[in-house]
Amino acid sequence: MVSLFGMMAVKVEGSSMTPAYKNGDFVLVHKTKKAEIGQVVICQRPDRPDLLIMKRVQSLTENGYWLKGDNQEFSDDSRVFGEVEKNLIIGKVIFKYWPLFTN
């Protein structure tokens, strides 16, 4: 992960966000604690704060976000660890920049 000017480059690891984001993709993340329903965020996993995860905002709660992976069969998400507090959000994914084209 590389950070510069409020942006971060992040490499996707795992299959919980396929087909939108695949293992080995690189994404640009805007550092912010705010996200809207449908946006993909990078955050600290509540039960394992040393682990960063990528999930889609399913709904907003009073204290944070309910997050789910796109590939729900292979995703540990809010169904496992509950809501994610706003302070654990690192940023929202702006776009995938590598690879440029995928099959």
PDB file of N, CA and C in Angstrom:
ATOM      1  N   MET A   1       0.848  -1.164   0.000  1.00  0.00           N
ATOM      2  CA  MET A   1       0.000   0.000   0.000  1.00  0.00           C
ATOM      3  C   MET A   1       0.899   1.234   0.000  1.00  0.00           C
ATOM      4  N   VAL A   2       0.631   2.148  -0.933  1.00  0.00           N
ATOM      5  CA  VAL A   2       1.374   3.392  -1.060  1.00  0.00           C
ATOM      6  C   VAL A   2       0.402   4.539  -0.850  1.00  0.00           C
ATOM      7  N   SER A   3       0.803   5.555  -0.051  1.00  0.00           N
ATOM      8  CA  SER A   3      -0.092   6.667   0.244  1.00  0.00           C
ATOM      9  C   SER A   3       0.542   7.989  -0.155  1.00  0.00           C
ATOM     10  N   LEU A   4      -0.250   8.849  -0.837  1.00  0.00           N
ATOM     11  CA  LEU A   4       0.242  10.144  -1.284  1.00  0.00           C
ATOM     12  C   LEU A   4      -0.939  11.063  -1.552  1.00  0.00           C
ATOM     13  N   PHE A   5      -0.902  12.274  -0.991  1.00  0.00           N
ATOM     14  CA  PHE A   5      -1.922  13.297  -1.241  1.00  0.00           C
ATOM     15  C   PHE A   5      -3.348  12.814  -0.984  1.00  0.00           C
ATOM     16  N   GLY A   6      -3.557  12.117   0.104  1.00  0.00           N
ATOM     17  CA  GLY A   6      -4.897  11.664   0.443  1.00  0.00           C
ATOM     18  C   GLY A   6      -5.395  10.496  -0.383  1.00  0.00           C
ATOM     19  N   MET A   7      -4.508   9.899  -1.158  1.00  0.00           N
ATOM     20  CA  MET A   7      -4.862   8.733  -1.967  1.00  0.00           C
ATOM     21  C   MET A   7      -3.933   7.585  -1.580  1.00  0.00           C
ATOM     22  N   MET A   8      -4.400   6.373  -1.820  1.00  0.00           N
ATOM     23  CA  MET A   8      -3.597   5.178  -1.566  1.00  0.00           C
ATOM     24  C   MET A   8      -3.745   4.215  -2.720  1.00  0.00           C
ATOM     25  N   ALA A   9      -2.661   3.543  -3.033  1.00  0.00           N
ATOM     26  CA  ALA A   9      -2.701   2.443  -3.992  1.00  0.00           C
ATOM     27  C   ALA A   9      -2.761   1.151  -3.187  1.00  0.00           C
ATOM     28  N   VAL A  10      -3.722   0.297  -3.515  1.00  0.00           N
ATOM     29  CA  VAL A  10      -3.933  -0.940  -2.760  1.00  0.00           C
ATOM     30  C   VAL A  10      -4.023  -2.115  -3.716  1.00  0.00           C
ATOM     31  N   LYS A  11      -3.353  -3.200  -3.363  1.00  0.00           N
ATOM     32  CA  LYS A  11      -3.443  -4.439  -4.141  1.00  0.00           C
ATOM     33  C   LYS A  11      -4.530  -5.317  -3.532  1.00  0.00           C
ATOM     34  N   VAL A  12      -5.439  -5.802  -4.365  1.00  0.00           N
ATOM     35  CA  VAL A  12      -6.525  -6.673  -3.926  1.00  0.00           C
ATOM     36  C   VAL A  12      -5.969  -8.067  -3.694  1.00  0.00           C
ATOM     37  N   GLU A  13      -6.315  -8.644  -2.538  1.00  0.00           N
ATOM     38  CA  GLU A  13      -5.920 -10.011  -2.227  1.00  0.00           C
ATOM     39  C   GLU A  13      -7.162 -10.794  -1.840  1.00  0.00           C
ATOM     40  N   GLY A  14      -7.380 -11.908  -2.500  1.00  0.00           N
ATOM     41  CA  GLY A  14      -8.528 -12.743  -2.200  1.00  0.00           C
ATOM     42  C   GLY A  14      -9.633 -12.604  -3.239  1.00  0.00           C
ATOM     43  N   SER A  15     -10.717 -13.358  -3.016  1.00  0.00           N
ATOM     44  CA  SER A  15     -11.788 -13.418  -4.009  1.00  0.00           C
ATOM     45  C   SER A  15     -13.130 -12.920  -3.492  1.00  0.00           C
ATOM     46  N   SER A  16     -13.154 -12.256  -2.344  1.00  0.00           N
ATOM     47  CA  SER A  16     -14.441 -11.858  -1.762  1.00  0.00           C
ATOM     48  C   SER A  16     -15.155 -10.755  -2.537  1.00  0.00           C
ATOM     49  N   MET A  17     -14.456 -10.044  -3.431  1.00  0.00           N
ATOM     50  CA  MET A  17     -15.072  -8.952  -4.182  1.00  0.00           C
ATOM     51  C   MET A  17     -15.215  -9.246  -5.672  1.00  0.00           C
ATOM     52  N   THR A  18     -14.976 -10.502  -6.089  1.00  0.00           N
ATOM     53  CA  THR A  18     -15.179 -10.833  -7.495  1.00  0.00           C
ATOM     54  C   THR A  18     -16.672 -10.829  -7.789  1.00  0.00           C
ATOM     55  N   PRO A  19     -17.069 -10.466  -8.968  1.00  0.00           N
ATOM     56  CA  PRO A  19     -16.266 -10.221 -10.153  1.00  0.00           C
ATOM     57  C   PRO A  19     -15.763  -8.782 -10.297  1.00  0.00           C
ATOM     58  N   ALA A  20     -16.213  -7.846  -9.470  1.00  0.00           N
ATOM     59  CA  ALA A  20     -15.814  -6.441  -9.640  1.00  0.00           C
ATOM     60  C   ALA A  20     -14.312  -6.244  -9.461  1.00  0.00           C
ATOM     61  N   TYR A  21     -13.753  -6.866  -8.437  1.00  0.00           N
ATOM     62  CA  TYR A  21     -12.319  -6.750  -8.143  1.00  0.00           C
ATOM     63  C   TYR A  21     -11.778  -8.143  -7.889  1.00  0.00           C
ATOM     64  N   LYS A  22     -10.710  -8.465  -8.598  1.00  0.00           N
ATOM     65  CA  LYS A  22     -10.140  -9.806  -8.528  1.00  0.00           C
ATOM     66  C   LYS A  22      -8.792  -9.786  -7.819  1.00  0.00           C
ATOM     67  N   ASN A  23      -8.397 -10.939  -7.337  1.00  0.00           N
ATOM     68  CA  ASN A  23      -7.094 -11.106  -6.709  1.00  0.00           C
ATOM     69  C   ASN A  23      -6.004 -10.597  -7.658  1.00  0.00           C
ATOM     70  N   GLY A  24      -5.161  -9.702  -7.178  1.00  0.00           N
ATOM     71  CA  GLY A  24      -4.080  -9.157  -8.001  1.00  0.00           C
ATOM     72  C   GLY A  24      -4.397  -7.818  -8.640  1.00  0.00           C
ATOM     73  N   ASP A  25      -5.663  -7.392  -8.616  1.00  0.00           N
ATOM     74  CA  ASP A  25      -6.002  -6.061  -9.129  1.00  0.00           C
ATOM     75  C   ASP A  25      -5.372  -4.986  -8.242  1.00  0.00           C
ATOM     76  N   PHE A  26      -5.166  -3.818  -8.807  1.00  0.00           N
ATOM     77  CA  PHE A  26      -4.712  -2.657  -8.042  1.00  0.00           C
ATOM     78  C   PHE A  26      -5.766  -1.575  -8.138  1.00  0.00           C
ATOM     79  N   VAL A  27      -6.088  -0.960  -6.996  1.00  0.00           N
ATOM     80  CA  VAL A  27      -7.121   0.071  -6.949  1.00  0.00           C
ATOM     81  C   VAL A  27      -6.567   1.335  -6.296  1.00  0.00           C
ATOM     82  N   LEU A  28      -7.173   2.460  -6.665  1.00  0.00           N
ATOM     83  CA  LEU A  28      -6.853   3.734  -6.053  1.00  0.00           C
ATOM     84  C   LEU A  28      -7.938   4.033  -5.024  1.00  0.00           C
ATOM     85  N   VAL A  29      -7.509   4.401  -3.812  1.00  0.00           N
ATOM     86  CA  VAL A  29      -8.420   4.624  -2.698  1.00  0.00           C
ATOM     87  C   VAL A  29      -8.280   6.061  -2.217  1.00  0.00           C
ATOM     88  N   HIS A  30      -9.415   6.747  -2.083  1.00  0.00           N
ATOM     89  CA  HIS A  30      -9.435   8.098  -1.524  1.00  0.00           C
ATOM     90  C   HIS A  30      -9.627   7.967  -0.018  1.00  0.00           C
ATOM     91  N   LYS A  31      -8.676   8.499   0.759  1.00  0.00           N
ATOM     92  CA  LYS A  31      -8.761   8.407   2.211  1.00  0.00           C
ATOM     93  C   LYS A  31      -9.912   9.269   2.718  1.00  0.00           C
ATOM     94  N   THR A  32     -10.875   8.634   3.355  1.00  0.00           N
ATOM     95  CA  THR A  32     -12.039   9.314   3.923  1.00  0.00           C
ATOM     96  C   THR A  32     -12.742   8.362   4.868  1.00  0.00           C
ATOM     97  N   LYS A  33     -13.456   8.893   5.817  1.00  0.00           N
ATOM     98  CA  LYS A  33     -14.248   8.078   6.742  1.00  0.00           C
ATOM     99  C   LYS A  33     -15.696   7.992   6.282  1.00  0.00           C
ATOM    100  N   LYS A  34     -16.044   8.713   5.213  1.00  0.00           N
ATOM    101  CA  LYS A  34     -17.424   8.765   4.731  1.00  0.00           C
ATOM    102  C   LYS A  34     -17.604   7.883   3.501  1.00  0.00           C
ATOM    103  N   ALA A  35     -18.716   7.173   3.477  1.00  0.00           N
ATOM    104  CA  ALA A  35     -19.057   6.342   2.316  1.00  0.00           C
ATOM    105  C   ALA A  35     -20.561   6.253   2.208  1.00  0.00           C
ATOM    106  N   GLU A  36     -21.022   5.966   1.014  1.00  0.00           N
ATOM    107  CA  GLU A  36     -22.453   5.835   0.746  1.00  0.00           C
ATOM    108  C   GLU A  36     -22.774   4.394   0.378  1.00  0.00           C
ATOM    109  N   ILE A  37     -24.036   4.066   0.472  1.00  0.00           N
ATOM    110  CA  ILE A  37     -24.482   2.714   0.111  1.00  0.00           C
ATOM    111  C   ILE A  37     -24.062   2.423  -1.328  1.00  0.00           C
ATOM    112  N   GLY A  38     -23.479   1.240  -1.529  1.00  0.00           N
ATOM    113  CA  GLY A  38     -23.030   0.818  -2.848  1.00  0.00           C
ATOM    114  C   GLY A  38     -21.553   1.060  -3.108  1.00  0.00           C
ATOM    115  N   GLN A  39     -20.926   1.933  -2.322  1.00  0.00           N
ATOM    116  CA  GLN A  39     -19.499   2.202  -2.536  1.00  0.00           C
ATOM    117  C   GLN A  39     -18.649   1.102  -1.902  1.00  0.00           C
ATOM    118  N   VAL A  40     -17.469   0.896  -2.476  1.00  0.00           N
ATOM    119  CA  VAL A  40     -16.531  -0.088  -1.958  1.00  0.00           C
ATOM    120  C   VAL A  40     -15.518   0.643  -1.090  1.00  0.00           C
ATOM    121  N   VAL A  41     -15.281   0.108   0.101  1.00  0.00           N
ATOM    122  CA  VAL A  41     -14.364   0.736   1.050  1.00  0.00           C
ATOM    123  C   VAL A  41     -13.251  -0.228   1.451  1.00  0.00           C
ATOM    124  N   ILE A  42     -12.169   0.389   1.911  1.00  0.00           N
ATOM    125  CA  ILE A  42     -11.079  -0.333   2.568  1.00  0.00           C
ATOM    126  C   ILE A  42     -11.192   0.025   4.041  1.00  0.00           C
ATOM    127  N   CYS A  43     -11.127  -0.983   4.904  1.00  0.00           N
ATOM    128  CA  CYS A  43     -11.248  -0.704   6.337  1.00  0.00           C
ATOM    129  C   CYS A  43     -10.467  -1.739   7.138  1.00  0.00           C
ATOM    130  N   GLN A  44     -10.322  -1.448   8.417  1.00  0.00           N
ATOM    131  CA  GLN A  44      -9.760  -2.415   9.338  1.00  0.00           C
ATOM    132  C   GLN A  44     -10.882  -3.376   9.715  1.00  0.00           C
ATOM    133  N   ARG A  45     -10.579  -4.643   9.768  1.00  0.00           N
ATOM    134  CA  ARG A  45     -11.581  -5.624  10.189  1.00  0.00           C
ATOM    135  C   ARG A  45     -11.793  -5.465  11.698  1.00  0.00           C
ATOM    136  N   PRO A  46     -13.042  -5.309  12.162  1.00  0.00           N
ATOM    137  CA  PRO A  46     -13.291  -5.019  13.575  1.00  0.00           C
ATOM    138  C   PRO A  46     -12.705  -6.036  14.557  1.00  0.00           C
ATOM    139  N   ASP A  47     -12.766  -7.306  14.215  1.00  0.00           N
ATOM    140  CA  ASP A  47     -12.264  -8.339  15.122  1.00  0.00           C
ATOM    141  C   ASP A  47     -10.787  -8.662  14.905  1.00  0.00           C
ATOM    142  N   ARG A  48     -10.187  -8.060  13.883  1.00  0.00           N
ATOM    143  CA  ARG A  48      -8.751  -8.235  13.594  1.00  0.00           C
ATOM    144  C   ARG A  48      -8.211  -6.921  13.028  1.00  0.00           C
ATOM    145  N   PRO A  49      -8.021  -5.881  13.858  1.00  0.00           N
ATOM    146  CA  PRO A  49      -7.679  -4.538  13.379  1.00  0.00           C
ATOM    147  C   PRO A  49      -6.374  -4.461  12.576  1.00  0.00           C
ATOM    148  N   ASP A  50      -5.539  -5.494  12.668  1.00  0.00           N
ATOM    149  CA  ASP A  50      -4.300  -5.508  11.895  1.00  0.00           C
ATOM    150  C   ASP A  50      -4.551  -5.914  10.438  1.00  0.00           C
ATOM    151  N   LEU A  51      -5.779  -6.342  10.122  1.00  0.00           N
ATOM    152  CA  LEU A  51      -6.115  -6.819   8.783  1.00  0.00           C
ATOM    153  C   LEU A  51      -6.989  -5.801   8.058  1.00  0.00           C
ATOM    154  N   LEU A  52      -6.536  -5.353   6.875  1.00  0.00           N
ATOM    155  CA  LEU A  52      -7.347  -4.464   6.047  1.00  0.00           C
ATOM    156  C   LEU A  52      -8.196  -5.306   5.110  1.00  0.00           C
ATOM    157  N   ILE A  53      -9.458  -4.904   4.939  1.00  0.00           N
ATOM    158  CA  ILE A  53     -10.368  -5.631   4.073  1.00  0.00           C
ATOM    159  C   ILE A  53     -11.046  -4.668   3.101  1.00  0.00           C
ATOM    160  N   MET A  54     -11.550  -5.223   2.009  1.00  0.00           N
ATOM    161  CA  MET A  54     -12.276  -4.449   1.002  1.00  0.00           C
ATOM    162  C   MET A  54     -13.685  -5.032   0.928  1.00  0.00           C
ATOM    163  N   LYS A  55     -14.693  -4.171   1.142  1.00  0.00           N
ATOM    164  CA  LYS A  55     -16.092  -4.612   1.108  1.00  0.00           C
ATOM    165  C   LYS A  55     -16.963  -3.485   0.569  1.00  0.00           C
ATOM    166  N   ARG A  56     -18.194  -3.854   0.187  1.00  0.00           N
ATOM    167  CA  ARG A  56     -19.162  -2.883  -0.324  1.00  0.00           C
ATOM    168  C   ARG A  56     -20.125  -2.483   0.802  1.00  0.00           C
ATOM    169  N   VAL A  57     -20.431  -1.183   0.880  1.00  0.00           N
ATOM    170  CA  VAL A  57     -21.362  -0.685   1.891  1.00  0.00           C
ATOM    171  C   VAL A  57     -22.771  -1.166   1.529  1.00  0.00           C
ATOM    172  N   GLN A  58     -23.329  -1.967   2.402  1.00  0.00           N
ATOM    173  CA  GLN A  58     -24.678  -2.510   2.214  1.00  0.00           C
ATOM    174  C   GLN A  58     -25.720  -1.564   2.814  1.00  0.00           C
ATOM    175  N   SER A  59     -25.414  -1.051   4.006  1.00  0.00           N
ATOM    176  CA  SER A  59     -26.327  -0.117   4.662  1.00  0.00           C
ATOM    177  C   SER A  59     -25.569   0.708   5.686  1.00  0.00           C
ATOM    178  N   LEU A  60     -26.189   1.791   6.094  1.00  0.00           N
ATOM    179  CA  LEU A  60     -25.614   2.667   7.117  1.00  0.00           C
ATOM    180  C   LEU A  60     -26.282   2.345   8.437  1.00  0.00           C
ATOM    181  N   THR A  61     -25.498   2.396   9.521  1.00  0.00           N
ATOM    182  CA  THR A  61     -26.041   2.189  10.854  1.00  0.00           C
ATOM    183  C   THR A  61     -25.802   3.459  11.661  1.00  0.00           C
ATOM    184  N   GLU A  62     -26.296   3.472  12.868  1.00  0.00           N
ATOM    185  CA  GLU A  62     -26.125   4.653  13.724  1.00  0.00           C
ATOM    186  C   GLU A  62     -24.649   4.951  13.974  1.00  0.00           C
ATOM    187  N   ASN A  63     -23.850   3.910  14.122  1.00  0.00           N
ATOM    188  CA  ASN A  63     -22.434   4.093  14.470  1.00  0.00           C
ATOM    189  C   ASN A  63     -21.458   3.773  13.354  1.00  0.00           C
ATOM    190  N   GLY A  64     -21.947   3.313  12.227  1.00  0.00           N
ATOM    191  CA  GLY A  64     -21.007   2.922  11.181  1.00  0.00           C
ATOM    192  C   GLY A  64     -21.679   2.361   9.952  1.00  0.00           C
ATOM    193  N   TYR A  65     -21.120   1.228   9.476  1.00  0.00           N
ATOM    194  CA  TYR A  65     -21.534   0.664   8.196  1.00  0.00           C
ATOM    195  C   TYR A  65     -21.736  -0.839   8.324  1.00  0.00           C
ATOM    196  N   TRP A  66     -22.665  -1.348   7.535  1.00  0.00           N
ATOM    197  CA  TRP A  66     -22.852  -2.788   7.371  1.00  0.00           C
ATOM    198  C   TRP A  66     -22.252  -3.115   6.015  1.00  0.00           C
ATOM    199  N   LEU A  67     -21.223  -3.969   5.996  1.00  0.00           N
ATOM    200  CA  LEU A  67     -20.452  -4.240   4.785  1.00  0.00           C
ATOM    201  C   LEU A  67     -20.626  -5.687   4.341  1.00  0.00           C
ATOM    202  N   LYS A  68     -20.640  -5.880   3.011  1.00  0.00           N
ATOM    203  CA  LYS A  68     -20.699  -7.228   2.447  1.00  0.00           C
ATOM    204  C   LYS A  68     -19.748  -7.334   1.267  1.00  0.00           C
ATOM    205  N   GLY A  69     -19.222  -8.527   1.077  1.00  0.00           N
ATOM    206  CA  GLY A  69     -18.433  -8.814  -0.100  1.00  0.00           C
ATOM    207  C   GLY A  69     -19.344  -9.107  -1.281  1.00  0.00           C
ATOM    208  N   ASP A  70     -18.899  -8.808  -2.491  1.00  0.00           N
ATOM    209  CA  ASP A  70     -19.697  -9.089  -3.682  1.00  0.00           C
ATOM    210  C   ASP A  70     -19.847 -10.594  -3.905  1.00  0.00           C
ATOM    211  N   ASN A  71     -18.808 -11.338  -3.584  1.00  0.00           N
ATOM    212  CA  ASN A  71     -18.792 -12.793  -3.736  1.00  0.00           C
ATOM    213  C   ASN A  71     -19.123 -13.396  -2.371  1.00  0.00           C
ATOM    214  N   GLN A  72     -20.391 -13.327  -1.989  1.00  0.00           N
ATOM    215  CA  GLN A  72     -20.786 -13.618  -0.609  1.00  0.00           C
ATOM    216  C   GLN A  72     -20.485 -15.036  -0.156  1.00  0.00           C
ATOM    217  N   GLU A  73     -20.378 -15.963  -1.088  1.00  0.00           N
ATOM    218  CA  GLU A  73     -20.039 -17.345  -0.718  1.00  0.00           C
ATOM    219  C   GLU A  73     -18.632 -17.431  -0.123  1.00  0.00           C
ATOM    220  N   PHE A  74     -17.743 -16.525  -0.545  1.00  0.00           N
ATOM    221  CA  PHE A  74     -16.348 -16.554  -0.102  1.00  0.00           C
ATOM    222  C   PHE A  74     -15.966 -15.283   0.645  1.00  0.00           C
ATOM    223  N   SER A  75     -16.912 -14.668   1.352  1.00  0.00           N
ATOM    224  CA  SER A  75     -16.639 -13.402   2.008  1.00  0.00           C
ATOM    225  C   SER A  75     -16.939 -13.451   3.502  1.00  0.00           C
ATOM    226  N   ASP A  76     -15.936 -13.130   4.302  1.00  0.00           N
ATOM    227  CA  ASP A  76     -16.171 -12.822   5.709  1.00  0.00           C
ATOM    228  C   ASP A  76     -16.479 -11.335   5.739  1.00  0.00           C
ATOM    229  N   ASP A  77     -17.656 -10.985   6.190  1.00  0.00           N
ATOM    230  CA  ASP A  77     -18.079  -9.589   6.170  1.00  0.00           C
ATOM    231  C   ASP A  77     -18.930  -9.307   7.402  1.00  0.00           C
ATOM    232  N   SER A  78     -19.780  -8.294   7.356  1.00  0.00           N
ATOM    233  CA  SER A  78     -20.573  -7.928   8.538  1.00  0.00           C
ATOM    234  C   SER A  78     -21.458  -9.061   9.034  1.00  0.00           C
ATOM    235  N   ARG A  79     -21.747 -10.026   8.186  1.00  0.00           N
ATOM    236  CA  ARG A  79     -22.496 -11.196   8.641  1.00  0.00           C
ATOM    237  C   ARG A  79     -21.687 -11.987   9.661  1.00  0.00           C
ATOM    238  N   VAL A  80     -20.354 -11.844   9.628  1.00  0.00           N
ATOM    239  CA  VAL A  80     -19.461 -12.546  10.546  1.00  0.00           C
ATOM    240  C   VAL A  80     -19.051 -11.643  11.706  1.00  0.00           C
ATOM    241  N   PHE A  81     -18.617 -10.411  11.412  1.00  0.00           N
ATOM    242  CA  PHE A  81     -18.042  -9.546  12.453  1.00  0.00           C
ATOM    243  C   PHE A  81     -18.890  -8.339  12.829  1.00  0.00           C
ATOM    244  N   GLY A  82     -20.092  -8.226  12.274  1.00  0.00           N
ATOM    245  CA  GLY A  82     -20.982  -7.137  12.654  1.00  0.00           C
ATOM    246  C   GLY A  82     -20.669  -5.835  11.942  1.00  0.00           C
ATOM    247  N   GLU A  83     -21.280  -4.769  12.442  1.00  0.00           N
ATOM    248  CA  GLU A  83     -21.082  -3.464  11.807  1.00  0.00           C
ATOM    249  C   GLU A  83     -19.654  -2.988  11.988  1.00  0.00           C
ATOM    250  N   VAL A  84     -19.247  -2.125  11.077  1.00  0.00           N
ATOM    251  CA  VAL A  84     -17.904  -1.552  11.111  1.00  0.00           C
ATOM    252  C   VAL A  84     -18.039  -0.083  11.495  1.00  0.00           C
ATOM    253  N   GLU A  85     -17.420   0.291  12.609  1.00  0.00           N
ATOM    254  CA  GLU A  85     -17.484   1.673  13.074  1.00  0.00           C
ATOM    255  C   GLU A  85     -16.769   2.592  12.091  1.00  0.00           C
ATOM    256  N   LYS A  86     -17.251   3.830  12.013  1.00  0.00           N
ATOM    257  CA  LYS A  86     -16.699   4.810  11.069  1.00  0.00           C
ATOM    258  C   LYS A  86     -15.203   5.002  11.235  1.00  0.00           C
ATOM    259  N   ASN A  87     -14.714   4.939  12.468  1.00  0.00           N
ATOM    260  CA  ASN A  87     -13.288   5.167  12.695  1.00  0.00           C
ATOM    261  C   ASN A  87     -12.398   4.065  12.115  1.00  0.00           C
ATOM    262  N   LEU A  88     -12.990   2.926  11.716  1.00  0.00           N
ATOM    263  CA  LEU A  88     -12.210   1.842  11.113  1.00  0.00           C
ATOM    264  C   LEU A  88     -12.125   1.949   9.590  1.00  0.00           C
ATOM    265  N   ILE A  89     -12.883   2.872   9.014  1.00  0.00           N
ATOM    266  CA  ILE A  89     -12.848   3.063   7.567  1.00  0.00           C
ATOM    267  C   ILE A  89     -11.562   3.802   7.198  1.00  0.00           C
ATOM    268  N   ILE A  90     -10.839   3.271   6.219  1.00  0.00           N
ATOM    269  CA  ILE A  90      -9.611   3.900   5.720  1.00  0.00           C
ATOM    270  C   ILE A  90      -9.937   4.810   4.546  1.00  0.00           C
ATOM    271  N   GLY A  91     -10.784   4.339   3.646  1.00  0.00           N
ATOM    272  CA  GLY A  91     -11.131   5.140   2.472  1.00  0.00           C
ATOM    273  C   GLY A  91     -12.035   4.373   1.533  1.00  0.00           C
ATOM    274  N   LYS A  92     -12.448   5.067   0.460  1.00  0.00           N
ATOM    275  CA  LYS A  92     -13.317   4.430  -0.528  1.00  0.00           C
ATOM    276  C   LYS A  92     -12.566   4.243  -1.842  1.00  0.00           C
ATOM    277  N   VAL A  93     -12.868   3.141  -2.502  1.00  0.00           N
ATOM    278  CA  VAL A  93     -12.216   2.808  -3.768  1.00  0.00           C
ATOM    279  C   VAL A  93     -12.750   3.752  -4.844  1.00  0.00           C
ATOM    280  N   ILE A  94     -11.822   4.410  -5.549  1.00  0.00           N
ATOM    281  CA  ILE A  94     -12.178   5.325  -6.630  1.00  0.00           C
ATOM    282  C   ILE A  94     -12.253   4.575  -7.959  1.00  0.00           C
ATOM    283  N   PHE A  95     -11.210   3.802  -8.273  1.00  0.00           N
ATOM    284  CA  PHE A  95     -11.223   2.985  -9.484  1.00  0.00           C
ATOM    285  C   PHE A  95     -10.098   1.970  -9.472  1.00  0.00           C
ATOM    286  N   LYS A  96     -10.262   0.974 -10.336  1.00  0.00           N
ATOM    287  CA  LYS A  96      -9.215  -0.034 -10.553  1.00  0.00           C
ATOM    288  C   LYS A  96      -8.301   0.498 -11.643  1.00  0.00           C
ATOM    289  N   TYR A  97      -6.994   0.506 -11.375  1.00  0.00           N
ATOM    290  CA  TYR A  97      -6.073   1.014 -12.394  1.00  0.00           C
ATOM    291  C   TYR A  97      -5.170  -0.059 -12.994  1.00  0.00           C
ATOM    292  N   TRP A  98      -5.197  -1.266 -12.456  1.00  0.00           N
ATOM    293  CA  TRP A  98      -4.403  -2.340 -13.055  1.00  0.00           C
ATOM    294  C   TRP A  98      -5.004  -3.676 -12.690  1.00  0.00           C
ATOM    295  N   PRO A  99      -5.174  -4.590 -13.578  1.00  0.00           N
ATOM    296  CA  PRO A  99      -4.912  -4.445 -15.010  1.00  0.00           C
ATOM    297  C   PRO A  99      -5.977  -3.576 -15.682  1.00  0.00           C
ATOM    298  N   LEU A 100      -5.573  -2.969 -16.777  1.00  0.00           N
ATOM    299  CA  LEU A 100      -6.483  -2.060 -17.476  1.00  0.00           C
ATOM    300  C   LEU A 100      -7.656  -2.808 -18.094  1.00  0.00           C
ATOM    301  N   PHE A 101      -7.379  -3.982 -18.633  1.00  0.00           N
ATOM    302  CA  PHE A 101      -8.422  -4.774 -19.275  1.00  0.00           C
ATOM    303  C   PHE A 101      -8.385  -6.174 -18.668  1.00  0.00           C
ATOM    304  N   THR A 102      -9.564  -6.729 -18.423  1.00  0.00           N
ATOM    305  CA  THR A 102      -9.629  -8.096 -17.907  1.00  0.00           C
ATOM    306  C   THR A 102     -10.615  -8.904 -18.718  1.00  0.00           C
ATOM    307  N   ASN A 103     -10.426 -10.203 -18.659  1.00  0.00           N
ATOM    308  CA  ASN A 103     -11.336 -11.121 -19.378  1.00  0.00           C
ATOM    309  C   ASN A 103     -12.588 -11.348 -18.596  1.00  0.00           C
TER     310      ASN A 103
END
